[in-house]
Full PDB file with SEQRES, HELIX, SHEET, SSBOND, CRYST1, ORIGX, SCALE, CONECT and MASTER records, all heavy atoms in Angstrom:
SEQRES   1 A   32  ASP CYS ILE PHE ALA VAL ASP LEU LYS GLU ARG ILE THR          
SEQRES   2 A   32  GLU ASP ALA LYS PRO MET HIS ILE HIS LYS ALA LYS HIS          
SEQRES   3 A   32  LEU ALA LYS GLU PHE GLN                                      
HELIX    1 AA1 ILE A    3  THR A   13  1                                  11    
HELIX    2 AA2 PRO A   18  PHE A   31  1                                  14    
CRYST1    1.000    1.000    1.000  90.00  90.00  90.00 P 1           1          
ORIGX1      1.000000  0.000000  0.000000        0.00000                         
ORIGX2      0.000000  1.000000  0.000000        0.00000                         
ORIGX3      0.000000  0.000000  1.000000        0.00000                         
SCALE1      1.000000  0.000000  0.000000        0.00000                         
SCALE2      0.000000  1.000000  0.000000        0.00000                         
SCALE3      0.000000  0.000000  1.000000        0.00000                         
ATOM      1  N   ASP A   1     -19.192-153.430 -11.076  1.00  0.00           N  
ATOM      2  CA  ASP A   1     -19.115-154.300 -12.269  1.00  0.00           C  
ATOM      3  C   ASP A   1     -18.117-153.864 -13.251  1.00  0.00           C  
ATOM      4  O   ASP A   1     -17.990-154.692 -14.207  1.00  0.00           O  
ATOM      5  CB  ASP A   1     -20.526-154.437 -12.875  1.00  0.00           C  
ATOM      6  CG  ASP A   1     -21.565-155.032 -11.851  1.00  0.00           C  
ATOM      7  OD1 ASP A   1     -21.126-155.840 -11.059  1.00  0.00           O  
ATOM      8  OD2 ASP A   1     -22.650-154.657 -11.905  1.00  0.00           O  
ATOM      9  N   CYS A   2     -17.536-152.681 -13.027  1.00  0.00           N  
ATOM     10  CA  CYS A   2     -16.542-152.344 -14.135  1.00  0.00           C  
ATOM     11  C   CYS A   2     -15.325-153.150 -14.009  1.00  0.00           C  
ATOM     12  O   CYS A   2     -15.023-153.690 -12.978  1.00  0.00           O  
ATOM     13  CB  CYS A   2     -16.199-150.854 -14.018  1.00  0.00           C  
ATOM     14  SG  CYS A   2     -14.840-150.517 -12.834  1.00  0.00           S  
ATOM     15  N   ILE A   3     -14.659-153.334 -15.233  1.00  0.00           N  
ATOM     16  CA  ILE A   3     -13.513-154.364 -15.307  1.00  0.00           C  
ATOM     17  C   ILE A   3     -12.353-154.007 -14.347  1.00  0.00           C  
ATOM     18  O   ILE A   3     -11.713-154.807 -13.742  1.00  0.00           O  
ATOM     19  CB  ILE A   3     -13.042-154.386 -16.704  1.00  0.00           C  
ATOM     20  CG1 ILE A   3     -12.049-155.436 -16.939  1.00  0.00           C  
ATOM     21  CG2 ILE A   3     -12.453-153.058 -17.175  1.00  0.00           C  
ATOM     22  CD1 ILE A   3     -11.570-155.824 -18.375  1.00  0.00           C  
ATOM     23  N   PHE A   4     -12.244-152.682 -14.134  1.00  0.00           N  
ATOM     24  CA  PHE A   4     -11.112-152.188 -13.193  1.00  0.00           C  
ATOM     25  C   PHE A   4     -11.422-152.640 -11.799  1.00  0.00           C  
ATOM     26  O   PHE A   4     -10.575-153.090 -11.083  1.00  0.00           O  
ATOM     27  CB  PHE A   4     -10.966-150.785 -13.224  1.00  0.00           C  
ATOM     28  CG  PHE A   4     -10.475-150.207 -14.631  1.00  0.00           C  
ATOM     29  CD1 PHE A   4     -11.255-149.562 -15.513  1.00  0.00           C  
ATOM     30  CD2 PHE A   4      -9.195-150.428 -15.042  1.00  0.00           C  
ATOM     31  CE1 PHE A   4     -10.993-149.175 -16.756  1.00  0.00           C  
ATOM     32  CE2 PHE A   4      -8.833-150.053 -16.303  1.00  0.00           C  
ATOM     33  CZ  PHE A   4      -9.745-149.404 -17.101  1.00  0.00           C  
ATOM     34  N   ALA A   5     -12.698-152.496 -11.403  1.00  0.00           N  
ATOM     35  CA  ALA A   5     -13.049-152.892 -10.065  1.00  0.00           C  
ATOM     36  C   ALA A   5     -13.014-154.394  -9.860  1.00  0.00           C  
ATOM     37  O   ALA A   5     -12.479-154.931  -8.797  1.00  0.00           O  
ATOM     38  CB  ALA A   5     -14.583-152.468  -9.707  1.00  0.00           C  
ATOM     39  N   VAL A   6     -13.322-155.204 -10.847  1.00  0.00           N  
ATOM     40  CA  VAL A   6     -13.314-156.615 -10.725  1.00  0.00           C  
ATOM     41  C   VAL A   6     -11.809-157.086 -10.656  1.00  0.00           C  
ATOM     42  O   VAL A   6     -11.532-158.033  -9.782  1.00  0.00           O  
ATOM     43  CB  VAL A   6     -14.066-157.320 -11.957  1.00  0.00           C  
ATOM     44  CG1 VAL A   6     -13.749-158.816 -11.903  1.00  0.00           C  
ATOM     45  CG2 VAL A   6     -15.455-156.929 -12.028  1.00  0.00           C  
ATOM     46  N   ASP A   7     -10.903-156.474 -11.464  1.00  0.00           N  
ATOM     47  CA  ASP A   7      -9.559-156.976 -11.484  1.00  0.00           C  
ATOM     48  C   ASP A   7      -8.903-156.500 -10.132  1.00  0.00           C  
ATOM     49  O   ASP A   7      -8.117-157.269  -9.561  1.00  0.00           O  
ATOM     50  CB  ASP A   7      -8.867-156.203 -12.594  1.00  0.00           C  
ATOM     51  CG  ASP A   7      -7.391-156.415 -12.528  1.00  0.00           C  
ATOM     52  OD1 ASP A   7      -6.869-157.508 -12.959  1.00  0.00           O  
ATOM     53  OD2 ASP A   7      -6.660-155.511 -12.208  1.00  0.00           O  
ATOM     54  N   LEU A   8      -9.297-155.338  -9.639  1.00  0.00           N  
ATOM     55  CA  LEU A   8      -8.693-154.898  -8.390  1.00  0.00           C  
ATOM     56  C   LEU A   8      -9.073-155.743  -7.214  1.00  0.00           C  
ATOM     57  O   LEU A   8      -8.159-156.169  -6.363  1.00  0.00           O  
ATOM     58  CB  LEU A   8      -9.122-153.462  -8.123  1.00  0.00           C  
ATOM     59  CG  LEU A   8      -8.495-152.771  -6.854  1.00  0.00           C  
ATOM     60  CD1 LEU A   8      -7.069-152.668  -6.871  1.00  0.00           C  
ATOM     61  CD2 LEU A   8      -9.081-151.428  -6.680  1.00  0.00           C  
ATOM     62  N   LYS A   9     -10.315-156.218  -7.170  1.00  0.00           N  
ATOM     63  CA  LYS A   9     -10.796-157.136  -6.128  1.00  0.00           C  
ATOM     64  C   LYS A   9     -10.035-158.404  -6.221  1.00  0.00           C  
ATOM     65  O   LYS A   9      -9.578-158.912  -5.193  1.00  0.00           O  
ATOM     66  CB  LYS A   9     -12.269-157.244  -6.134  1.00  0.00           C  
ATOM     67  CG  LYS A   9     -12.879-158.160  -5.066  1.00  0.00           C  
ATOM     68  CD  LYS A   9     -14.378-158.289  -5.217  1.00  0.00           C  
ATOM     69  CE  LYS A   9     -14.861-159.146  -4.108  1.00  0.00           C  
ATOM     70  NZ  LYS A   9     -16.476-159.296  -4.217  1.00  0.00           N  
ATOM     71  N   GLU A  10      -9.945-158.929  -7.408  1.00  0.00           N  
ATOM     72  CA  GLU A  10      -9.319-160.260  -7.544  1.00  0.00           C  
ATOM     73  C   GLU A  10      -7.720-160.235  -7.028  1.00  0.00           C  
ATOM     74  O   GLU A  10      -7.306-161.112  -6.403  1.00  0.00           O  
ATOM     75  CB  GLU A  10      -9.258-160.713  -9.013  1.00  0.00           C  
ATOM     76  CG  GLU A  10     -10.615-161.067  -9.468  1.00  0.00           C  
ATOM     77  CD  GLU A  10     -10.771-161.451 -10.955  1.00  0.00           C  
ATOM     78  OE1 GLU A  10      -9.757-161.238 -11.644  1.00  0.00           O  
ATOM     79  OE2 GLU A  10     -11.763-162.007 -11.481  1.00  0.00           O  
ATOM     80  N   ARG A  11      -7.095-159.111  -7.320  1.00  0.00           N  
ATOM     81  CA  ARG A  11      -5.720-158.934  -7.013  1.00  0.00           C  
ATOM     82  C   ARG A  11      -5.536-158.843  -5.448  1.00  0.00           C  
ATOM     83  O   ARG A  11      -4.611-159.398  -4.982  1.00  0.00           O  
ATOM     84  CB  ARG A  11      -5.127-157.749  -7.705  1.00  0.00           C  
ATOM     85  CG  ARG A  11      -4.888-157.951  -9.196  1.00  0.00           C  
ATOM     86  CD  ARG A  11      -3.983-156.817  -9.761  1.00  0.00           C  
ATOM     87  NE  ARG A  11      -4.626-155.623 -10.037  1.00  0.00           N  
ATOM     88  CZ  ARG A  11      -4.345-154.505  -9.543  1.00  0.00           C  
ATOM     89  NH1 ARG A  11      -3.168-154.466  -8.784  1.00  0.00           N  
ATOM     90  NH2 ARG A  11      -4.995-153.354  -9.646  1.00  0.00           N  
ATOM     91  N   ILE A  12      -6.522-158.106  -4.838  1.00  0.00           N  
ATOM     92  CA  ILE A  12      -6.326-157.933  -3.480  1.00  0.00           C  
ATOM     93  C   ILE A  12      -6.776-159.344  -2.658  1.00  0.00           C  
ATOM     94  O   ILE A  12      -6.011-159.777  -1.752  1.00  0.00           O  
ATOM     95  CB  ILE A  12      -7.405-156.823  -2.877  1.00  0.00           C  
ATOM     96  CG1 ILE A  12      -6.989-155.569  -3.542  1.00  0.00           C  
ATOM     97  CG2 ILE A  12      -7.339-156.851  -1.415  1.00  0.00           C  
ATOM     98  CD1 ILE A  12      -8.079-154.395  -3.284  1.00  0.00           C  
ATOM     99  N   THR A  13      -7.878-159.848  -3.052  1.00  0.00           N  
ATOM    100  CA  THR A  13      -8.402-161.039  -2.364  1.00  0.00           C  
ATOM    101  C   THR A  13      -7.533-162.358  -2.614  1.00  0.00           C  
ATOM    102  O   THR A  13      -7.670-163.386  -1.914  1.00  0.00           O  
ATOM    103  CB  THR A  13      -9.873-161.390  -2.664  1.00  0.00           C  
ATOM    104  OG1 THR A  13      -9.943-161.455  -4.130  1.00  0.00           O  
ATOM    105  CG2 THR A  13     -10.734-160.252  -2.214  1.00  0.00           C  
ATOM    106  N   GLU A  14      -6.663-162.279  -3.577  1.00  0.00           N  
ATOM    107  CA  GLU A  14      -5.774-163.372  -3.830  1.00  0.00           C  
ATOM    108  C   GLU A  14      -4.893-163.667  -2.575  1.00  0.00           C  
ATOM    109  O   GLU A  14      -4.614-164.846  -2.430  1.00  0.00           O  
ATOM    110  CB  GLU A  14      -4.817-163.093  -5.054  1.00  0.00           C  
ATOM    111  CG  GLU A  14      -3.914-164.106  -5.410  1.00  0.00           C  
ATOM    112  CD  GLU A  14      -3.168-164.012  -6.671  1.00  0.00           C  
ATOM    113  OE1 GLU A  14      -3.406-162.853  -7.381  1.00  0.00           O  
ATOM    114  OE2 GLU A  14      -2.261-164.738  -7.052  1.00  0.00           O  
ATOM    115  N   ASP A  15      -4.505-162.648  -1.794  1.00  0.00           N  
ATOM    116  CA  ASP A  15      -3.627-162.856  -0.568  1.00  0.00           C  
ATOM    117  C   ASP A  15      -4.292-162.310   0.548  1.00  0.00           C  
ATOM    118  O   ASP A  15      -3.789-162.669   1.640  1.00  0.00           O  
ATOM    119  CB  ASP A  15      -2.187-162.201  -0.848  1.00  0.00           C  
ATOM    120  CG  ASP A  15      -1.580-162.903  -2.119  1.00  0.00           C  
ATOM    121  OD1 ASP A  15      -1.296-164.072  -1.877  1.00  0.00           O  
ATOM    122  OD2 ASP A  15      -1.065-162.138  -2.937  1.00  0.00           O  
ATOM    123  N   ALA A  16      -5.207-161.436   0.489  1.00  0.00           N  
ATOM    124  CA  ALA A  16      -5.814-160.869   1.741  1.00  0.00           C  
ATOM    125  C   ALA A  16      -6.604-161.897   2.555  1.00  0.00           C  
ATOM    126  O   ALA A  16      -7.141-162.948   1.964  1.00  0.00           O  
ATOM    127  CB  ALA A  16      -6.821-159.777   1.343  1.00  0.00           C  
ATOM    128  N   LYS A  17      -6.567-161.751   3.814  1.00  0.00           N  
ATOM    129  CA  LYS A  17      -7.193-162.777   4.712  1.00  0.00           C  
ATOM    130  C   LYS A  17      -8.669-162.185   5.110  1.00  0.00           C  
ATOM    131  O   LYS A  17      -8.850-161.002   5.074  1.00  0.00           O  
ATOM    132  CB  LYS A  17      -6.408-163.004   6.013  1.00  0.00           C  
ATOM    133  CG  LYS A  17      -5.025-163.572   5.582  1.00  0.00           C  
ATOM    134  CD  LYS A  17      -4.225-163.893   6.909  1.00  0.00           C  
ATOM    135  CE  LYS A  17      -2.872-164.367   6.633  1.00  0.00           C  
ATOM    136  NZ  LYS A  17      -2.758-165.582   5.721  1.00  0.00           N  
ATOM    137  N   PRO A  18      -9.520-163.061   5.513  1.00  0.00           N  
ATOM    138  CA  PRO A  18     -10.869-162.605   5.882  1.00  0.00           C  
ATOM    139  C   PRO A  18     -10.813-161.507   6.861  1.00  0.00           C  
ATOM    140  O   PRO A  18     -11.689-160.569   6.961  1.00  0.00           O  
ATOM    141  CB  PRO A  18     -11.598-163.763   6.466  1.00  0.00           C  
ATOM    142  CG  PRO A  18     -10.817-164.959   5.803  1.00  0.00           C  
ATOM    143  CD  PRO A  18      -9.443-164.522   5.657  1.00  0.00           C  
ATOM    144  N   MET A  19      -9.811-161.414   7.903  1.00  0.00           N  
ATOM    145  CA  MET A  19      -9.832-160.521   8.891  1.00  0.00           C  
ATOM    146  C   MET A  19      -9.517-159.040   8.230  1.00  0.00           C  
ATOM    147  O   MET A  19      -9.989-158.081   8.700  1.00  0.00           O  
ATOM    148  CB  MET A  19      -8.695-160.745   9.985  1.00  0.00           C  
ATOM    149  CG  MET A  19      -7.315-160.949   9.481  1.00  0.00           C  
ATOM    150  SD  MET A  19      -6.148-161.323  10.676  1.00  0.00           S  
ATOM    151  CE  MET A  19      -6.071-159.775  11.612  1.00  0.00           C  
ATOM    152  N   HIS A  20      -8.638-159.074   7.143  1.00  0.00           N  
ATOM    153  CA  HIS A  20      -8.280-157.866   6.495  1.00  0.00           C  
ATOM    154  C   HIS A  20      -9.623-157.279   5.846  1.00  0.00           C  
ATOM    155  O   HIS A  20      -9.810-156.143   5.845  1.00  0.00           O  
ATOM    156  CB  HIS A  20      -7.333-158.140   5.336  1.00  0.00           C  
ATOM    157  CG  HIS A  20      -5.943-158.663   5.888  1.00  0.00           C  
ATOM    158  ND1 HIS A  20      -5.202-159.474   5.197  1.00  0.00           N  
ATOM    159  CD2 HIS A  20      -5.298-158.175   6.907  1.00  0.00           C  
ATOM    160  CE1 HIS A  20      -4.099-159.676   5.955  1.00  0.00           C  
ATOM    161  NE2 HIS A  20      -4.125-158.939   6.920  1.00  0.00           N  
ATOM    162  N   ILE A  21     -10.384-158.149   5.117  1.00  0.00           N  
ATOM    163  CA  ILE A  21     -11.572-157.726   4.495  1.00  0.00           C  
ATOM    164  C   ILE A  21     -12.644-157.231   5.404  1.00  0.00           C  
ATOM    165  O   ILE A  21     -13.174-156.105   5.252  1.00  0.00           O  
ATOM    166  CB  ILE A  21     -12.197-158.987   3.728  1.00  0.00           C  
ATOM    167  CG1 ILE A  21     -11.144-159.604   2.748  1.00  0.00           C  
ATOM    168  CG2 ILE A  21     -13.418-158.453   2.918  1.00  0.00           C  
ATOM    169  CD1 ILE A  21     -10.576-158.661   1.785  1.00  0.00           C  
ATOM    170  N   HIS A  22     -12.828-157.919   6.639  1.00  0.00           N  
ATOM    171  CA  HIS A  22     -13.803-157.388   7.578  1.00  0.00           C  
ATOM    172  C   HIS A  22     -13.454-155.969   8.174  1.00  0.00           C  
ATOM    173  O   HIS A  22     -14.283-155.136   8.226  1.00  0.00           O  
ATOM    174  CB  HIS A  22     -13.794-158.465   8.700  1.00  0.00           C  
ATOM    175  CG  HIS A  22     -14.632-158.055   9.861  1.00  0.00           C  
ATOM    176  ND1 HIS A  22     -16.042-158.101   9.771  1.00  0.00           N  
ATOM    177  CD2 HIS A  22     -14.423-157.491  11.059  1.00  0.00           C  
ATOM    178  CE1 HIS A  22     -16.583-157.636  10.956  1.00  0.00           C  
ATOM    179  NE2 HIS A  22     -15.630-157.248  11.690  1.00  0.00           N  
ATOM    180  N   LYS A  23     -12.091-155.805   8.489  1.00  0.00           N  
ATOM    181  CA  LYS A  23     -11.657-154.552   9.013  1.00  0.00           C  
ATOM    182  C   LYS A  23     -11.829-153.482   7.966  1.00  0.00           C  
ATOM    183  O   LYS A  23     -12.225-152.272   8.134  1.00  0.00           O  
ATOM    184  CB  LYS A  23     -10.174-154.615   9.466  1.00  0.00           C  
ATOM    185  CG  LYS A  23      -9.768-153.395  10.205  1.00  0.00           C  
ATOM    186  CD  LYS A  23      -8.430-153.587  10.782  1.00  0.00           C  
ATOM    187  CE  LYS A  23      -7.928-152.237  11.509  1.00  0.00           C  
ATOM    188  NZ  LYS A  23      -6.593-152.445  12.195  1.00  0.00           N  
ATOM    189  N   ALA A  24     -11.426-153.861   6.761  1.00  0.00           N  
ATOM    190  CA  ALA A  24     -11.453-152.744   5.572  1.00  0.00           C  
ATOM    191  C   ALA A  24     -12.974-152.339   5.392  1.00  0.00           C  
ATOM    192  O   ALA A  24     -13.170-151.121   5.146  1.00  0.00           O  
ATOM    193  CB  ALA A  24     -11.013-153.523   4.351  1.00  0.00           C  
ATOM    194  N   LYS A  25     -13.832-153.236   5.416  1.00  0.00           N  
ATOM    195  CA  LYS A  25     -15.258-152.686   5.244  1.00  0.00           C  
ATOM    196  C   LYS A  25     -15.715-151.864   6.303  1.00  0.00           C  
ATOM    197  O   LYS A  25     -16.438-150.912   5.997  1.00  0.00           O  
ATOM    198  CB  LYS A  25     -16.249-154.031   5.306  1.00  0.00           C  
ATOM    199  CG  LYS A  25     -15.994-154.828   3.903  1.00  0.00           C  
ATOM    200  CD  LYS A  25     -16.887-156.120   3.992  1.00  0.00           C  
ATOM    201  CE  LYS A  25     -16.893-157.015   2.727  1.00  0.00           C  
ATOM    202  NZ  LYS A  25     -17.758-158.104   2.683  1.00  0.00           N  
ATOM    203  N   HIS A  26     -15.269-152.172   7.474  1.00  0.00           N  
ATOM    204  CA  HIS A  26     -15.638-151.196   8.723  1.00  0.00           C  
ATOM    205  C   HIS A  26     -14.982-149.764   8.508  1.00  0.00           C  
ATOM    206  O   HIS A  26     -15.686-148.875   8.580  1.00  0.00           O  
ATOM    207  CB  HIS A  26     -15.145-151.872   9.946  1.00  0.00           C  
ATOM    208  CG  HIS A  26     -15.356-150.919  11.155  1.00  0.00           C  
ATOM    209  ND1 HIS A  26     -16.550-150.708  11.737  1.00  0.00           N  
ATOM    210  CD2 HIS A  26     -14.377-150.300  11.900  1.00  0.00           C  
ATOM    211  CE1 HIS A  26     -16.349-149.784  12.733  1.00  0.00           C  
ATOM    212  NE2 HIS A  26     -15.002-149.553  12.800  1.00  0.00           N  
ATOM    213  N   LEU A  27     -13.764-149.827   8.088  1.00  0.00           N  
ATOM    214  CA  LEU A  27     -13.046-148.610   7.834  1.00  0.00           C  
ATOM    215  C   LEU A  27     -13.745-147.816   6.725  1.00  0.00           C  
ATOM    216  O   LEU A  27     -13.730-146.615   6.638  1.00  0.00           O  
ATOM    217  CB  LEU A  27     -11.597-148.840   7.568  1.00  0.00           C  
ATOM    218  CG  LEU A  27     -10.701-149.257   8.744  1.00  0.00           C  
ATOM    219  CD1 LEU A  27      -9.253-149.617   8.285  1.00  0.00           C  
ATOM    220  CD2 LEU A  27     -10.746-148.271   9.869  1.00  0.00           C  
ATOM    221  N   ALA A  28     -14.198-148.572   5.590  1.00  0.00           N  
ATOM    222  CA  ALA A  28     -14.824-147.925   4.484  1.00  0.00           C  
ATOM    223  C   ALA A  28     -16.043-147.118   4.895  1.00  0.00           C  
ATOM    224  O   ALA A  28     -16.414-146.076   4.419  1.00  0.00           O  
ATOM    225  CB  ALA A  28     -15.154-148.953   3.437  1.00  0.00           C  
ATOM    226  N   LYS A  29     -16.814-147.704   5.778  1.00  0.00           N  
ATOM    227  CA  LYS A  29     -18.120-147.133   6.260  1.00  0.00           C  
ATOM    228  C   LYS A  29     -17.744-145.900   7.131  1.00  0.00           C  
ATOM    229  O   LYS A  29     -18.380-144.821   7.138  1.00  0.00           O  
ATOM    230  CB  LYS A  29     -18.831-148.133   7.124  1.00  0.00           C  
ATOM    231  CG  LYS A  29     -19.495-149.273   6.342  1.00  0.00           C  
ATOM    232  CD  LYS A  29     -20.322-150.211   7.229  1.00  0.00           C  
ATOM    233  CE  LYS A  29     -20.818-151.308   6.464  1.00  0.00           C  
ATOM    234  NZ  LYS A  29     -21.682-152.268   7.312  1.00  0.00           N  
ATOM    235  N   GLU A  30     -16.633-146.024   7.925  1.00  0.00           N  
ATOM    236  CA  GLU A  30     -16.260-144.880   8.696  1.00  0.00           C  
ATOM    237  C   GLU A  30     -15.731-143.766   7.744  1.00  0.00           C  
ATOM    238  O   GLU A  30     -16.124-142.532   8.075  1.00  0.00           O  
ATOM    239  CB  GLU A  30     -15.055-145.210   9.628  1.00  0.00           C  
ATOM    240  CG  GLU A  30     -15.494-146.002  10.941  1.00  0.00           C  
ATOM    241  CD  GLU A  30     -14.301-146.172  11.846  1.00  0.00           C  
ATOM    242  OE1 GLU A  30     -13.208-145.960  11.380  1.00  0.00           O  
ATOM    243  OE2 GLU A  30     -14.624-146.582  12.931  1.00  0.00           O  
ATOM    244  N   PHE A  31     -15.190-144.030   6.749  1.00  0.00           N  
ATOM    245  CA  PHE A  31     -14.619-143.018   5.829  1.00  0.00           C  
ATOM    246  C   PHE A  31     -15.834-142.354   5.120  1.00  0.00           C  
ATOM    247  O   PHE A  31     -15.988-141.044   5.042  1.00  0.00           O  
ATOM    248  CB  PHE A  31     -13.768-143.700   4.699  1.00  0.00           C  
ATOM    249  CG  PHE A  31     -13.139-142.652   3.758  1.00  0.00           C  
ATOM    250  CD1 PHE A  31     -11.799-142.255   3.920  1.00  0.00           C  
ATOM    251  CD2 PHE A  31     -13.730-142.199   2.794  1.00  0.00           C  
ATOM    252  CE1 PHE A  31     -11.176-141.359   3.221  1.00  0.00           C  
ATOM    253  CE2 PHE A  31     -13.149-141.226   1.840  1.00  0.00           C  
ATOM    254  CZ  PHE A  31     -11.870-140.845   2.055  1.00  0.00           C  
ATOM    255  N   GLN A  32     -16.901-143.071   4.743  1.00  0.00           N  
ATOM    256  CA  GLN A  32     -18.018-142.565   4.148  1.00  0.00           C  
ATOM    257  C   GLN A  32     -18.753-141.625   5.044  1.00  0.00           C  
ATOM    258  O   GLN A  32     -19.197-140.543   4.659  1.00  0.00           O  
ATOM    259  CB  GLN A  32     -19.020-143.683   3.599  1.00  0.00           C  
ATOM    260  CG  GLN A  32     -18.444-144.361   2.309  1.00  0.00           C  
ATOM    261  CD  GLN A  32     -19.451-145.412   1.900  1.00  0.00           C  
ATOM    262  OE1 GLN A  32     -19.598-146.386   2.473  1.00  0.00           O  
ATOM    263  NE2 GLN A  32     -20.125-145.178   0.857  1.00  0.00           N  
TER     264      GLN A  32                                                      
MASTER        0    0    0    2    0    0    0    6  263    1    0    3          
END                                                                             
């Protein structure tokens, strides 16, 4: 909920496609 996270998400999702988001979430889990 921090302003930096909200702004960052808006800037990414402005042009990112659903396939990018889906793959990114999977990679984030792998990283964790």
